[in-house]
Protein backbone atom coordinates (compact mmCIF):
# COMPACT_ATOMS: atom_id res chain seq x y z
CA MET A 1 16.87 2.73 -21.73
CA THR A 2 14.29 0.16 -20.62
CA VAL A 3 13.23 0.25 -16.97
CA ARG A 4 10.21 -1.06 -15.12
CA LEU A 5 9.08 -0.53 -11.54
CA ASP A 6 9.85 -3.69 -9.55
CA HIS A 7 8.35 -3.04 -6.12
CA VAL A 8 7.36 -0.55 -3.47
CA GLY A 9 8.93 -0.83 -0.02
CA VAL A 10 6.76 -0.17 3.04
CA ASN A 11 8.35 0.01 6.49
CA VAL A 12 6.05 -1.55 9.07
CA ARG A 13 5.97 -2.11 12.82
CA ASP A 14 4.25 -5.54 12.90
CA LEU A 15 5.58 -7.59 9.97
CA PRO A 16 3.46 -10.74 10.54
CA ALA A 17 0.21 -8.79 10.94
CA GLN A 18 0.88 -6.52 7.97
CA THR A 19 1.88 -9.49 5.81
CA ILE A 20 -1.44 -11.19 6.55
CA TRP A 21 -3.36 -7.96 5.93
CA TYR A 22 -1.71 -7.23 2.56
CA GLN A 23 -2.09 -10.84 1.43
CA GLY A 24 -5.80 -10.84 2.22
CA ALA A 25 -6.57 -7.29 1.14
CA PHE A 26 -4.89 -7.46 -2.27
CA GLY A 27 -4.59 -11.18 -3.03
CA LEU A 28 -0.79 -11.14 -2.74
CA ARG A 29 1.39 -14.20 -2.29
CA THR A 30 4.75 -14.40 -0.55
CA VAL A 31 7.62 -14.52 -3.06
CA PHE A 32 10.40 -14.68 -0.47
CA GLU A 33 11.38 -13.62 3.03
CA PHE A 34 14.75 -12.58 4.37
CA ALA A 35 16.47 -11.29 7.50
CA LEU A 36 19.67 -9.33 8.03
CA GLU A 37 20.89 -10.37 11.46
CA GLY A 38 23.35 -7.48 12.00
CA PRO A 39 20.81 -4.67 11.86
CA GLY A 40 17.91 -6.95 12.82
CA LEU A 41 15.99 -6.20 9.63
CA SER A 42 13.25 -8.63 8.56
CA ALA A 43 11.35 -8.46 5.29
CA VAL A 44 8.85 -10.21 3.10
CA VAL A 45 8.23 -9.63 -0.60
CA LEU A 46 4.63 -10.06 -1.73
CA GLU A 47 3.45 -10.31 -5.33
CA HIS A 48 0.11 -9.79 -7.06
CA PRO A 49 -0.96 -12.14 -9.88
CA HIS A 50 -0.48 -9.20 -12.31
CA GLY A 51 3.18 -8.95 -11.29
CA TRP A 52 3.35 -5.87 -9.05
CA ARG A 53 5.15 -6.35 -5.75
CA ILE A 54 5.34 -4.87 -2.27
CA GLU A 55 8.28 -5.37 0.10
CA LEU A 56 7.33 -5.09 3.77
CA LEU A 57 10.30 -4.30 6.04
CA ALA A 58 10.52 -4.26 9.84
CA ARG A 59 13.35 -3.42 12.22
CA PRO A 60 13.28 -3.40 16.03
CA GLY A 61 13.44 0.11 17.44
CA SER A 62 11.72 1.69 14.47
CA ALA A 63 9.60 4.78 15.11
CA PRO A 64 6.45 5.88 13.31
CA GLY A 65 7.04 8.33 10.49
CA LEU A 66 4.48 10.38 8.61
CA ARG A 67 0.97 9.14 9.32
CA ALA A 68 -0.99 11.68 7.33
CA PRO A 69 -4.76 11.22 7.52
CA ASP A 70 -5.23 12.06 3.84
CA PRO A 71 -3.23 12.71 0.64
CA LEU A 72 -3.34 16.51 0.91
CA THR A 73 -1.78 16.43 4.37
CA ALA A 74 0.81 13.91 3.15
CA ALA A 75 1.83 16.33 0.40
CA LEU A 76 3.03 18.77 3.10
CA THR A 77 5.95 16.42 3.82
CA GLU A 78 8.62 15.71 1.21
CA GLY A 79 9.48 12.12 0.34
CA TYR A 80 7.41 9.08 -0.48
CA GLY A 81 3.82 9.45 0.64
CA HIS A 82 1.78 6.59 -0.84
CA PHE A 83 1.49 3.89 -3.45
CA ALA A 84 -1.41 3.38 -5.85
CA VAL A 85 -3.22 0.43 -7.39
CA THR A 86 -5.78 0.34 -10.18
CA THR A 87 -9.10 -1.44 -10.33
CA PRO A 88 -12.02 -1.50 -12.77
CA GLU A 89 -14.45 -1.48 -9.79
CA LEU A 90 -13.55 1.22 -7.27
CA ASP A 91 -16.58 1.16 -4.96
CA PRO A 92 -16.58 -2.57 -4.13
CA VAL A 93 -12.78 -2.63 -3.72
CA TYR A 94 -12.92 0.38 -1.40
CA ALA A 95 -15.72 -1.23 0.64
CA ALA A 96 -13.87 -4.56 0.82
CA LEU A 97 -10.65 -2.93 2.06
CA VAL A 98 -12.53 -0.94 4.71
CA ALA A 99 -14.28 -4.15 5.79
CA ARG A 100 -10.80 -5.73 6.20
CA GLY A 101 -9.66 -2.95 8.52
CA ALA A 102 -8.40 -0.25 6.14
CA GLY A 103 -8.88 3.30 7.33
CA GLU A 104 -11.08 5.60 5.26
CA ALA A 105 -8.90 8.50 4.13
CA MET A 106 -10.99 9.72 1.16
CA LYS A 107 -14.21 8.20 -0.10
CA PRO A 108 -14.58 7.34 -3.82
CA GLY A 109 -14.95 10.39 -6.04
CA PRO A 110 -13.57 12.09 -9.12
CA SER A 111 -9.82 12.21 -9.72
CA PRO A 112 -7.99 15.27 -11.06
CA GLU A 113 -7.30 13.09 -14.12
CA PRO A 114 -10.29 13.46 -16.49
CA GLY A 115 -12.61 10.46 -16.61
CA ILE A 116 -10.90 8.71 -13.69
CA ARG A 117 -12.25 8.06 -10.18
CA MET A 118 -10.15 7.57 -7.06
CA ALA A 119 -10.34 6.83 -3.34
CA TRP A 120 -7.80 6.62 -0.54
CA VAL A 121 -7.44 4.19 2.36
CA THR A 122 -4.79 3.51 4.96
CA ASP A 123 -3.42 0.12 5.92
CA PRO A 124 -3.81 -0.89 9.60
CA GLU A 125 -0.61 1.01 10.49
CA GLY A 126 -1.68 4.22 8.74
CA ASN A 127 0.21 4.00 5.42
CA LEU A 128 -1.70 5.71 2.59
CA ILE A 129 -2.90 3.70 -0.42
CA GLU A 130 -4.52 5.30 -3.46
CA LEU A 131 -7.15 3.35 -5.38
CA ILE A 132 -7.67 4.36 -9.01
CA GLU A 133 -10.61 3.22 -11.11
CA LYS A 134 -9.63 2.47 -14.70
CA ASN A 135 -11.52 0.35 -17.20
CA ALA A 136 -8.47 -1.79 -18.02
CA GLU A 137 -6.17 -3.18 -15.30
């Protein structure tokens, strides 16, 4: 069986603001947008030049879910807790995201995976993002 991850869905409160933030923070471009009028759901799919995608979804009346301040706290709640991206240069990427308004959840340091470094940030709405330093993207 051949399968490949297509995208990660992130439910957000402010779709226009989060779209702008993700585009600027990760160099994503809009692939398409859609709306489902019945439930009032709006969404935008963003894509990175390397092919990974994020779908941002917003619906009126939504309520904040888990907003863990760090990955260890997030692991106390079952379900999806974060998504991760890789970079060959962890420190400048971490600094650039923080400069763009990302929250500092865990500063760059060693990963449990031997020879790998990691850091954690949150997007402006508090969603956790893991940054993993690898030599090849």
